[in-house]
């Protein structure tokens, strides 16, 4: 097994972040189009409502929905569905020729991918991303903290046998967060 280096992993993360930013841009464009054709106007007096005023006008439940939509748009569908796929990699990882496996080299399940993403997200909230960078650089197996939690590895190459991304995974991984965000904004603001 050839473990993925820190540089490859960071570059893959940057590529995946760019893809997710493009998805957020799609949300922005969708909302602008819906508003420009007159199908939606933010609550209040239309164009005179500032984002701060719109946020303040929301109730606790609506604010929670917006925050959840933002978190969902940040990647759980994307990372979980692609890392648990037969390709075992996101688009960024595929471009850089790396993939995620269990410690024994086998494909990870949806449950393990959810655990891996949740650990990554939670640990980053506690400022432990820097510790993960150090562990990837320093350890032989190049494991981040979330890899230890989920018992996963990131390896160089492609899993065998080679396969293509399934269209439904792409549609769900990118479509659900976009639809969720657009729907949340339309329903709450």
N, C-alpha and C. Protein backbone atom coordinates (compact mmCIF):
# COMPACT_ATOMS: atom_id res chain seq x y z
N UNK A 1 0.84 -1.19 0.00
CA UNK A 1 0.00 0.00 0.00
C UNK A 1 0.88 1.24 0.00
N UNK A 2 0.52 2.17 -0.89
CA UNK A 2 1.22 3.45 -0.95
C UNK A 2 0.27 4.51 -0.39
N UNK A 3 0.66 5.09 0.72
CA UNK A 3 -0.19 6.07 1.39
C UNK A 3 -0.10 7.43 0.72
N UNK A 4 -1.23 8.11 0.66
CA UNK A 4 -1.29 9.43 0.03
C UNK A 4 -0.57 10.46 0.90
N UNK A 5 0.22 11.28 0.26
CA UNK A 5 1.00 12.30 0.97
C UNK A 5 0.11 13.47 1.40
N UNK A 6 0.64 14.26 2.30
CA UNK A 6 -0.06 15.46 2.76
C UNK A 6 -0.36 16.39 1.58
N UNK A 7 0.60 16.58 0.70
CA UNK A 7 0.41 17.47 -0.44
C UNK A 7 -0.74 17.04 -1.33
N UNK A 8 -0.81 15.75 -1.65
CA UNK A 8 -1.91 15.24 -2.49
C UNK A 8 -3.25 15.41 -1.78
N UNK A 9 -3.27 15.11 -0.51
CA UNK A 9 -4.54 15.21 0.24
C UNK A 9 -5.01 16.66 0.31
N UNK A 10 -4.08 17.59 0.56
CA UNK A 10 -4.46 19.00 0.62
C UNK A 10 -4.91 19.51 -0.75
N UNK A 11 -4.22 19.10 -1.79
CA UNK A 11 -4.61 19.51 -3.14
C UNK A 11 -5.99 18.96 -3.50
N UNK A 12 -6.26 17.71 -3.13
CA UNK A 12 -7.59 17.12 -3.38
C UNK A 12 -8.66 17.88 -2.61
N UNK A 13 -8.36 18.25 -1.36
CA UNK A 13 -9.30 19.01 -0.55
C UNK A 13 -9.59 20.36 -1.20
N UNK A 14 -8.55 21.01 -1.74
CA UNK A 14 -8.76 22.29 -2.41
C UNK A 14 -9.63 22.14 -3.66
N UNK A 15 -9.38 21.09 -4.44
CA UNK A 15 -10.21 20.85 -5.63
C UNK A 15 -11.66 20.58 -5.24
N UNK A 16 -11.86 19.75 -4.22
CA UNK A 16 -13.22 19.45 -3.75
C UNK A 16 -13.89 20.69 -3.20
N UNK A 17 -13.14 21.53 -2.51
CA UNK A 17 -13.70 22.79 -2.00
C UNK A 17 -14.14 23.69 -3.14
N UNK A 18 -13.35 23.72 -4.21
CA UNK A 18 -13.72 24.52 -5.38
C UNK A 18 -15.01 23.99 -6.01
N UNK A 19 -15.16 22.68 -6.07
CA UNK A 19 -16.38 22.08 -6.61
C UNK A 19 -17.58 22.45 -5.75
N UNK A 20 -17.41 22.39 -4.43
CA UNK A 20 -18.51 22.75 -3.54
C UNK A 20 -18.83 24.24 -3.61
N UNK A 21 -17.83 25.07 -3.82
CA UNK A 21 -18.08 26.50 -4.02
C UNK A 21 -18.86 26.74 -5.30
N UNK A 22 -18.58 25.96 -6.33
CA UNK A 22 -19.36 26.07 -7.56
C UNK A 22 -20.82 25.68 -7.31
N UNK A 23 -21.04 24.70 -6.44
CA UNK A 23 -22.42 24.32 -6.09
C UNK A 23 -23.11 25.48 -5.36
N UNK A 24 -22.38 26.14 -4.44
CA UNK A 24 -22.95 27.30 -3.76
C UNK A 24 -23.22 28.44 -4.75
N UNK A 25 -22.36 28.59 -5.74
CA UNK A 25 -22.58 29.59 -6.77
C UNK A 25 -23.85 29.27 -7.56
N UNK A 26 -24.09 27.98 -7.81
CA UNK A 26 -25.32 27.55 -8.49
C UNK A 26 -26.55 27.94 -7.67
N UNK A 27 -26.45 27.85 -6.35
CA UNK A 27 -27.55 28.29 -5.48
C UNK A 27 -27.78 29.78 -5.65
N UNK A 28 -26.72 30.55 -5.61
CA UNK A 28 -26.80 32.00 -5.77
C UNK A 28 -27.46 32.36 -7.10
N UNK A 29 -27.02 31.74 -8.18
CA UNK A 29 -27.57 32.01 -9.51
C UNK A 29 -29.05 31.61 -9.55
N UNK A 30 -29.38 30.46 -8.98
CA UNK A 30 -30.77 30.00 -8.96
C UNK A 30 -31.67 30.99 -8.24
N UNK A 31 -31.23 31.46 -7.08
CA UNK A 31 -32.03 32.43 -6.33
C UNK A 31 -32.18 33.75 -7.09
N UNK A 32 -31.10 34.18 -7.72
CA UNK A 32 -31.16 35.42 -8.51
C UNK A 32 -32.16 35.27 -9.67
N UNK A 33 -32.13 34.12 -10.35
CA UNK A 33 -33.05 33.89 -11.47
C UNK A 33 -34.50 33.84 -10.99
N UNK A 34 -34.72 33.12 -9.89
CA UNK A 34 -36.08 33.01 -9.34
C UNK A 34 -36.61 34.37 -8.94
N UNK A 35 -35.73 35.18 -8.35
CA UNK A 35 -36.14 36.52 -7.93
C UNK A 35 -36.35 37.43 -9.14
N UNK A 36 -35.49 37.33 -10.15
CA UNK A 36 -35.59 38.23 -11.31
C UNK A 36 -36.85 37.99 -12.14
N UNK A 37 -37.35 36.76 -12.15
CA UNK A 37 -38.59 36.50 -12.89
C UNK A 37 -39.83 36.73 -12.04
N UNK A 38 -39.62 37.17 -10.79
CA UNK A 38 -40.74 37.54 -9.93
C UNK A 38 -41.39 36.40 -9.18
N UNK A 39 -40.75 35.24 -9.14
CA UNK A 39 -41.33 34.10 -8.43
C UNK A 39 -41.06 34.14 -6.93
N UNK A 40 -40.11 34.99 -6.51
CA UNK A 40 -39.75 35.04 -5.09
C UNK A 40 -39.24 36.41 -4.72
N UNK A 41 -39.71 36.89 -3.58
CA UNK A 41 -39.20 38.13 -3.00
C UNK A 41 -38.96 37.85 -1.53
N UNK A 42 -37.79 38.20 -1.00
CA UNK A 42 -37.54 37.96 0.42
C UNK A 42 -38.61 38.63 1.28
N UNK A 43 -38.88 38.05 2.43
CA UNK A 43 -39.88 38.58 3.35
C UNK A 43 -39.59 40.03 3.67
N UNK A 44 -40.61 40.78 3.93
CA UNK A 44 -40.45 42.19 4.27
C UNK A 44 -40.88 43.05 3.10
N UNK A 45 -40.12 44.05 2.83
CA UNK A 45 -40.51 45.02 1.80
C UNK A 45 -39.73 44.82 0.50
N UNK A 46 -39.28 43.63 0.23
CA UNK A 46 -38.59 43.35 -1.04
C UNK A 46 -37.15 43.77 -1.02
N UNK A 47 -36.77 44.62 -1.98
CA UNK A 47 -35.37 44.97 -2.19
C UNK A 47 -34.78 45.81 -1.05
N UNK A 48 -35.63 46.41 -0.20
CA UNK A 48 -35.10 47.26 0.86
C UNK A 48 -34.67 46.47 2.09
N UNK A 49 -34.95 45.18 2.13
CA UNK A 49 -34.57 44.35 3.27
C UNK A 49 -33.11 43.96 3.15
N UNK A 50 -32.31 44.28 4.18
CA UNK A 50 -30.91 43.88 4.19
C UNK A 50 -30.81 42.43 4.66
N UNK A 51 -29.71 41.77 4.34
CA UNK A 51 -29.54 40.40 4.84
C UNK A 51 -29.63 40.32 6.38
N UNK A 52 -29.08 41.32 7.05
CA UNK A 52 -29.14 41.33 8.52
C UNK A 52 -30.57 41.42 9.02
N UNK A 53 -31.38 42.28 8.37
CA UNK A 53 -32.79 42.42 8.76
C UNK A 53 -33.56 41.13 8.47
N UNK A 54 -33.27 40.51 7.34
CA UNK A 54 -33.93 39.24 7.00
C UNK A 54 -33.58 38.17 8.03
N UNK A 55 -32.31 38.11 8.45
CA UNK A 55 -31.88 37.12 9.44
C UNK A 55 -32.55 37.38 10.79
N UNK A 56 -32.58 38.63 11.21
CA UNK A 56 -33.20 38.98 12.49
C UNK A 56 -34.69 38.65 12.50
N UNK A 57 -35.35 38.75 11.35
CA UNK A 57 -36.79 38.49 11.27
C UNK A 57 -37.12 37.00 11.37
N UNK A 58 -36.13 36.14 11.17
CA UNK A 58 -36.38 34.69 11.22
C UNK A 58 -36.55 34.21 12.65
N UNK A 59 -37.39 33.19 12.80
CA UNK A 59 -37.54 32.54 14.10
C UNK A 59 -36.41 31.54 14.31
N UNK A 60 -36.38 30.93 15.48
CA UNK A 60 -35.32 29.97 15.82
C UNK A 60 -35.35 28.78 14.87
N UNK A 61 -36.52 28.25 14.58
CA UNK A 61 -36.63 27.10 13.68
C UNK A 61 -36.12 27.40 12.29
N UNK A 62 -36.47 28.58 11.77
CA UNK A 62 -36.02 28.97 10.44
C UNK A 62 -34.51 29.17 10.41
N UNK A 63 -33.97 29.77 11.47
CA UNK A 63 -32.51 29.94 11.54
C UNK A 63 -31.81 28.59 11.58
N UNK A 64 -32.38 27.66 12.33
CA UNK A 64 -31.80 26.32 12.40
C UNK A 64 -31.82 25.65 11.03
N UNK A 65 -32.91 25.80 10.29
CA UNK A 65 -32.99 25.25 8.94
C UNK A 65 -31.92 25.83 8.02
N UNK A 66 -31.72 27.14 8.09
CA UNK A 66 -30.70 27.78 7.26
C UNK A 66 -29.31 27.26 7.62
N UNK A 67 -29.02 27.15 8.91
CA UNK A 67 -27.71 26.64 9.34
C UNK A 67 -27.54 25.19 8.90
N UNK A 68 -28.58 24.37 9.07
CA UNK A 68 -28.49 22.97 8.62
C UNK A 68 -28.27 22.90 7.11
N UNK A 69 -28.96 23.74 6.36
CA UNK A 69 -28.79 23.74 4.90
C UNK A 69 -27.36 24.11 4.54
N UNK A 70 -26.79 25.07 5.24
CA UNK A 70 -25.42 25.46 4.97
C UNK A 70 -24.46 24.32 5.28
N UNK A 71 -24.64 23.64 6.41
CA UNK A 71 -23.78 22.51 6.78
C UNK A 71 -23.91 21.40 5.74
N UNK A 72 -25.14 21.09 5.34
CA UNK A 72 -25.34 20.03 4.35
C UNK A 72 -24.69 20.42 3.03
N UNK A 73 -24.73 21.70 2.70
CA UNK A 73 -24.11 22.12 1.45
C UNK A 73 -22.59 22.03 1.50
N UNK A 74 -22.04 21.94 2.68
CA UNK A 74 -20.58 21.89 2.81
C UNK A 74 -19.97 20.53 2.49
N UNK A 75 -20.78 19.52 2.30
CA UNK A 75 -20.15 18.32 1.83
C UNK A 75 -20.56 16.95 2.29
N UNK A 76 -21.41 16.77 3.30
CA UNK A 76 -21.65 15.38 3.68
C UNK A 76 -22.18 14.53 2.54
N UNK A 77 -23.10 15.03 1.74
CA UNK A 77 -23.59 14.24 0.62
C UNK A 77 -22.46 13.97 -0.36
N UNK A 78 -21.70 14.99 -0.67
CA UNK A 78 -20.61 14.88 -1.64
C UNK A 78 -19.55 13.88 -1.17
N UNK A 79 -19.00 14.12 0.01
CA UNK A 79 -17.92 13.26 0.49
C UNK A 79 -18.40 11.84 0.79
N UNK A 80 -19.52 11.71 1.46
CA UNK A 80 -20.02 10.39 1.85
C UNK A 80 -20.35 9.55 0.62
N UNK A 81 -21.14 10.09 -0.30
CA UNK A 81 -21.54 9.29 -1.45
C UNK A 81 -20.37 8.92 -2.36
N UNK A 82 -19.41 9.81 -2.53
CA UNK A 82 -18.29 9.48 -3.40
C UNK A 82 -17.26 8.59 -2.73
N UNK A 83 -16.97 8.82 -1.45
CA UNK A 83 -15.96 7.99 -0.78
C UNK A 83 -16.48 6.58 -0.50
N UNK A 84 -17.80 6.41 -0.41
CA UNK A 84 -18.38 5.08 -0.20
C UNK A 84 -18.77 4.42 -1.53
N UNK A 85 -18.44 5.06 -2.63
CA UNK A 85 -18.75 4.50 -3.96
C UNK A 85 -17.69 3.49 -4.37
N UNK A 86 -17.94 2.74 -5.44
CA UNK A 86 -16.90 1.83 -5.95
C UNK A 86 -15.61 2.56 -6.33
N UNK A 87 -15.69 3.85 -6.70
CA UNK A 87 -14.49 4.64 -7.01
C UNK A 87 -13.72 5.01 -5.74
N UNK A 88 -14.44 5.07 -4.60
CA UNK A 88 -13.86 5.35 -3.29
C UNK A 88 -13.16 6.71 -3.21
N UNK A 89 -13.64 7.65 -4.02
CA UNK A 89 -12.97 8.95 -4.05
C UNK A 89 -13.90 10.03 -4.56
N UNK A 90 -13.67 11.24 -4.07
CA UNK A 90 -14.35 12.42 -4.60
C UNK A 90 -13.69 12.79 -5.93
N UNK A 91 -14.25 13.79 -6.61
CA UNK A 91 -13.64 14.23 -7.86
C UNK A 91 -12.20 14.71 -7.62
N UNK A 92 -11.98 15.47 -6.56
CA UNK A 92 -10.64 15.96 -6.26
C UNK A 92 -9.65 14.83 -6.02
N UNK A 93 -10.07 13.83 -5.27
CA UNK A 93 -9.19 12.68 -5.02
C UNK A 93 -8.93 11.91 -6.31
N UNK A 94 -9.95 11.76 -7.15
CA UNK A 94 -9.77 11.06 -8.42
C UNK A 94 -8.74 11.77 -9.30
N UNK A 95 -8.86 13.08 -9.38
CA UNK A 95 -7.93 13.85 -10.21
C UNK A 95 -6.50 13.66 -9.72
N UNK A 96 -6.32 13.56 -8.40
CA UNK A 96 -4.98 13.42 -7.84
C UNK A 96 -4.58 11.97 -7.56
N UNK A 97 -5.40 11.04 -8.08
CA UNK A 97 -5.04 9.62 -8.04
C UNK A 97 -4.90 9.08 -6.61
N UNK A 98 -5.87 9.43 -5.75
CA UNK A 98 -5.91 8.87 -4.40
C UNK A 98 -7.33 8.43 -4.09
N UNK A 99 -7.48 7.54 -3.11
CA UNK A 99 -8.79 7.04 -2.74
C UNK A 99 -8.81 6.61 -1.28
N UNK A 100 -10.03 6.44 -0.72
CA UNK A 100 -10.23 6.12 0.69
C UNK A 100 -10.60 4.65 0.84
N UNK A 101 -9.97 3.98 1.80
CA UNK A 101 -10.30 2.58 2.09
C UNK A 101 -10.44 2.39 3.60
N UNK A 102 -10.92 1.22 3.96
CA UNK A 102 -10.85 0.82 5.36
C UNK A 102 -9.38 0.49 5.66
N UNK A 103 -9.07 0.29 6.91
CA UNK A 103 -7.69 -0.05 7.28
C UNK A 103 -7.21 -1.33 6.60
N UNK A 104 -8.14 -2.23 6.28
CA UNK A 104 -7.76 -3.49 5.63
C UNK A 104 -7.72 -3.38 4.10
N UNK A 105 -7.93 -2.16 3.56
CA UNK A 105 -7.85 -1.95 2.13
C UNK A 105 -9.15 -2.13 1.38
N UNK A 106 -10.23 -2.47 2.06
CA UNK A 106 -11.52 -2.68 1.40
C UNK A 106 -12.31 -1.39 1.33
N UNK A 107 -13.33 -1.37 0.46
CA UNK A 107 -14.20 -0.22 0.27
C UNK A 107 -14.93 0.12 1.57
N UNK A 108 -15.07 1.41 1.85
CA UNK A 108 -15.78 1.82 3.06
C UNK A 108 -17.29 1.84 2.79
N UNK A 109 -18.04 1.61 3.84
CA UNK A 109 -19.50 1.62 3.76
C UNK A 109 -20.01 3.06 3.89
N UNK A 110 -21.29 3.23 3.61
CA UNK A 110 -21.92 4.54 3.80
C UNK A 110 -21.80 4.95 5.27
N UNK A 111 -22.04 4.01 6.17
CA UNK A 111 -21.97 4.33 7.61
C UNK A 111 -20.57 4.79 8.00
N UNK A 112 -19.55 4.13 7.52
CA UNK A 112 -18.18 4.53 7.83
C UNK A 112 -17.85 5.88 7.20
N UNK A 113 -18.35 6.12 5.98
CA UNK A 113 -18.12 7.41 5.32
C UNK A 113 -18.81 8.54 6.10
N UNK A 114 -20.02 8.27 6.62
CA UNK A 114 -20.71 9.26 7.45
C UNK A 114 -19.89 9.53 8.71
N UNK A 115 -19.41 8.47 9.36
CA UNK A 115 -18.58 8.63 10.55
C UNK A 115 -17.30 9.40 10.26
N UNK A 116 -16.67 9.11 9.13
CA UNK A 116 -15.44 9.81 8.75
C UNK A 116 -15.70 11.29 8.54
N UNK A 117 -16.77 11.63 7.78
CA UNK A 117 -17.09 13.03 7.55
C UNK A 117 -17.47 13.73 8.85
N UNK A 118 -18.26 13.07 9.68
CA UNK A 118 -18.68 13.67 10.96
C UNK A 118 -17.47 13.93 11.85
N UNK A 119 -16.55 12.97 11.90
CA UNK A 119 -15.34 13.16 12.70
C UNK A 119 -14.51 14.33 12.15
N UNK A 120 -14.37 14.40 10.83
CA UNK A 120 -13.60 15.49 10.22
C UNK A 120 -14.24 16.84 10.54
N UNK A 121 -15.55 16.92 10.39
CA UNK A 121 -16.28 18.16 10.63
C UNK A 121 -16.20 18.54 12.11
N UNK A 122 -16.42 17.59 13.00
CA UNK A 122 -16.41 17.86 14.44
C UNK A 122 -15.02 18.26 14.91
N UNK A 123 -14.02 17.52 14.50
CA UNK A 123 -12.65 17.83 14.92
C UNK A 123 -12.20 19.21 14.43
N UNK A 124 -12.68 19.60 13.24
CA UNK A 124 -12.30 20.92 12.74
C UNK A 124 -12.91 22.03 13.59
N UNK A 125 -14.07 21.79 14.18
CA UNK A 125 -14.70 22.78 15.06
C UNK A 125 -13.88 23.00 16.32
N UNK A 126 -13.11 22.00 16.72
CA UNK A 126 -12.29 22.12 17.92
C UNK A 126 -10.85 22.51 17.58
N UNK A 127 -10.61 22.94 16.35
CA UNK A 127 -9.30 23.40 15.95
C UNK A 127 -8.26 22.32 15.79
N UNK A 128 -8.71 21.09 15.55
CA UNK A 128 -7.76 19.98 15.47
C UNK A 128 -7.33 19.65 14.04
N UNK A 129 -7.71 20.49 13.09
CA UNK A 129 -7.28 20.26 11.71
C UNK A 129 -5.76 20.34 11.58
N UNK A 130 -5.16 21.26 12.33
CA UNK A 130 -3.70 21.38 12.31
C UNK A 130 -3.03 20.13 12.85
N UNK A 131 -3.62 19.53 13.88
CA UNK A 131 -3.08 18.27 14.41
C UNK A 131 -3.17 17.19 13.34
N UNK A 132 -4.27 17.17 12.58
CA UNK A 132 -4.40 16.20 11.49
C UNK A 132 -3.32 16.40 10.43
N UNK A 133 -3.03 17.64 10.11
CA UNK A 133 -1.97 17.93 9.15
C UNK A 133 -0.64 17.37 9.65
N UNK A 134 -0.37 17.56 10.92
CA UNK A 134 0.88 17.04 11.51
C UNK A 134 0.90 15.52 11.48
N UNK A 135 -0.22 14.87 11.83
CA UNK A 135 -0.22 13.39 11.84
C UNK A 135 -0.08 12.83 10.43
N UNK A 136 -0.69 13.49 9.45
CA UNK A 136 -0.53 13.02 8.06
C UNK A 136 0.93 13.13 7.65
N UNK A 137 1.57 14.23 7.97
CA UNK A 137 2.97 14.44 7.57
C UNK A 137 3.93 13.54 8.34
N UNK A 138 3.62 13.24 9.61
CA UNK A 138 4.59 12.57 10.47
C UNK A 138 4.46 11.05 10.52
N UNK A 139 3.27 10.52 10.33
CA UNK A 139 3.08 9.09 10.52
C UNK A 139 3.29 8.30 9.23
N UNK A 140 3.74 7.08 9.37
CA UNK A 140 3.99 6.21 8.22
C UNK A 140 2.73 5.98 7.40
N UNK A 141 1.60 5.76 8.07
CA UNK A 141 0.34 5.49 7.36
C UNK A 141 -0.36 6.76 6.87
N UNK A 142 0.20 7.93 7.16
CA UNK A 142 -0.34 9.21 6.70
C UNK A 142 -1.81 9.41 7.09
N UNK A 143 -2.14 9.06 8.34
CA UNK A 143 -3.52 9.17 8.81
C UNK A 143 -3.79 10.50 9.48
N UNK A 144 -4.94 11.08 9.16
CA UNK A 144 -5.45 12.26 9.87
C UNK A 144 -6.23 11.75 11.09
N UNK A 145 -6.58 12.65 11.98
CA UNK A 145 -7.34 12.24 13.17
C UNK A 145 -8.66 11.58 12.79
N UNK A 146 -9.35 12.12 11.78
CA UNK A 146 -10.62 11.51 11.38
C UNK A 146 -10.41 10.12 10.78
N UNK A 147 -9.24 9.84 10.20
CA UNK A 147 -8.94 8.50 9.72
C UNK A 147 -8.78 7.52 10.88
N UNK A 148 -8.20 7.98 11.98
CA UNK A 148 -8.09 7.12 13.16
C UNK A 148 -9.47 6.81 13.72
N UNK A 149 -10.33 7.82 13.78
CA UNK A 149 -11.69 7.63 14.31
C UNK A 149 -12.47 6.64 13.45
N UNK A 150 -12.37 6.77 12.13
CA UNK A 150 -13.15 5.94 11.21
C UNK A 150 -12.43 4.66 10.76
N UNK A 151 -11.20 4.47 11.20
CA UNK A 151 -10.39 3.32 10.76
C UNK A 151 -10.28 3.28 9.23
N UNK A 152 -9.83 4.40 8.67
CA UNK A 152 -9.68 4.50 7.22
C UNK A 152 -8.26 4.90 6.85
N UNK A 153 -7.94 4.69 5.59
CA UNK A 153 -6.65 5.10 5.01
C UNK A 153 -6.93 5.84 3.72
N UNK A 154 -6.01 6.69 3.30
CA UNK A 154 -6.08 7.31 1.98
C UNK A 154 -4.84 6.83 1.23
N UNK A 155 -5.10 6.11 0.13
CA UNK A 155 -4.03 5.47 -0.63
C UNK A 155 -3.86 6.10 -2.00
N UNK A 156 -2.67 5.94 -2.58
CA UNK A 156 -2.41 6.37 -3.95
C UNK A 156 -2.89 5.30 -4.91
N UNK A 157 -3.33 5.72 -6.09
CA UNK A 157 -3.79 4.79 -7.11
C UNK A 157 -5.30 4.79 -7.22
N UNK A 158 -5.81 3.68 -7.75
CA UNK A 158 -7.25 3.50 -7.93
C UNK A 158 -7.63 2.13 -7.37
N UNK A 159 -8.83 2.01 -6.80
CA UNK A 159 -9.25 0.69 -6.34
C UNK A 159 -9.47 -0.23 -7.53
N UNK A 160 -9.35 -1.50 -7.31
CA UNK A 160 -9.60 -2.47 -8.38
C UNK A 160 -10.95 -3.11 -8.14
N UNK A 161 -11.75 -3.42 -9.12
CA UNK A 161 -11.56 -3.06 -10.52
C UNK A 161 -11.95 -1.61 -10.76
N UNK A 162 -11.40 -1.04 -11.82
CA UNK A 162 -11.73 0.35 -12.15
C UNK A 162 -13.20 0.44 -12.56
N UNK A 163 -13.84 1.53 -12.19
CA UNK A 163 -15.24 1.73 -12.52
C UNK A 163 -15.50 3.22 -12.73
N UNK A 164 -16.68 3.55 -13.20
CA UNK A 164 -17.03 4.94 -13.44
C UNK A 164 -17.91 5.46 -12.31
N UNK A 165 -17.99 6.79 -12.20
CA UNK A 165 -18.91 7.38 -11.23
C UNK A 165 -20.33 7.07 -11.68
N UNK A 166 -21.15 6.65 -10.76
CA UNK A 166 -22.54 6.37 -11.08
C UNK A 166 -23.30 7.69 -11.17
N UNK A 167 -24.07 7.89 -12.24
CA UNK A 167 -24.78 9.17 -12.42
C UNK A 167 -25.68 9.55 -11.24
N UNK A 168 -26.31 8.57 -10.61
CA UNK A 168 -27.21 8.90 -9.49
C UNK A 168 -26.42 9.49 -8.33
N UNK A 169 -25.19 9.04 -8.12
CA UNK A 169 -24.38 9.60 -7.03
C UNK A 169 -24.05 11.06 -7.30
N UNK A 170 -23.72 11.37 -8.53
CA UNK A 170 -23.40 12.75 -8.89
C UNK A 170 -24.64 13.62 -8.69
N UNK A 171 -25.79 13.13 -9.16
CA UNK A 171 -27.04 13.90 -9.04
C UNK A 171 -27.40 14.14 -7.58
N UNK A 172 -27.27 13.12 -6.74
CA UNK A 172 -27.63 13.27 -5.33
C UNK A 172 -26.58 14.09 -4.59
N UNK A 173 -25.30 13.80 -4.82
CA UNK A 173 -24.23 14.47 -4.08
C UNK A 173 -24.19 15.98 -4.35
N UNK A 174 -24.52 16.39 -5.54
CA UNK A 174 -24.51 17.81 -5.86
C UNK A 174 -25.92 18.41 -5.88
N UNK A 175 -26.90 17.63 -6.31
CA UNK A 175 -28.27 18.13 -6.44
C UNK A 175 -28.99 18.34 -5.12
N UNK A 176 -28.84 17.40 -4.18
CA UNK A 176 -29.54 17.53 -2.90
C UNK A 176 -29.10 18.77 -2.13
N UNK A 177 -27.80 19.01 -1.96
CA UNK A 177 -27.42 20.24 -1.24
C UNK A 177 -27.89 21.51 -1.94
N UNK A 178 -27.83 21.54 -3.27
CA UNK A 178 -28.29 22.74 -3.99
C UNK A 178 -29.78 22.92 -3.78
N UNK A 179 -30.55 21.86 -3.97
CA UNK A 179 -32.01 21.95 -3.79
C UNK A 179 -32.36 22.30 -2.35
N UNK A 180 -31.63 21.71 -1.38
CA UNK A 180 -31.90 21.99 0.03
C UNK A 180 -31.66 23.46 0.35
N UNK A 181 -30.54 23.99 -0.12
CA UNK A 181 -30.24 25.40 0.14
C UNK A 181 -31.25 26.34 -0.53
N UNK A 182 -31.53 26.09 -1.80
CA UNK A 182 -32.49 26.94 -2.50
C UNK A 182 -33.85 26.86 -1.80
N UNK A 183 -34.31 25.65 -1.50
CA UNK A 183 -35.59 25.48 -0.82
C UNK A 183 -35.63 26.14 0.54
N UNK A 184 -34.54 26.03 1.27
CA UNK A 184 -34.48 26.65 2.60
C UNK A 184 -34.57 28.16 2.50
N UNK A 185 -33.84 28.75 1.58
CA UNK A 185 -33.89 30.20 1.43
C UNK A 185 -35.27 30.66 0.96
N UNK A 186 -35.86 29.91 0.03
CA UNK A 186 -37.19 30.29 -0.45
C UNK A 186 -38.23 30.19 0.66
N UNK A 187 -38.08 29.19 1.51
CA UNK A 187 -39.08 28.96 2.57
C UNK A 187 -38.90 29.87 3.78
N UNK A 188 -37.67 30.33 4.03
CA UNK A 188 -37.44 31.03 5.30
C UNK A 188 -37.18 32.52 5.17
N UNK A 189 -36.66 32.96 4.05
CA UNK A 189 -36.28 34.38 3.96
C UNK A 189 -37.26 35.11 3.05
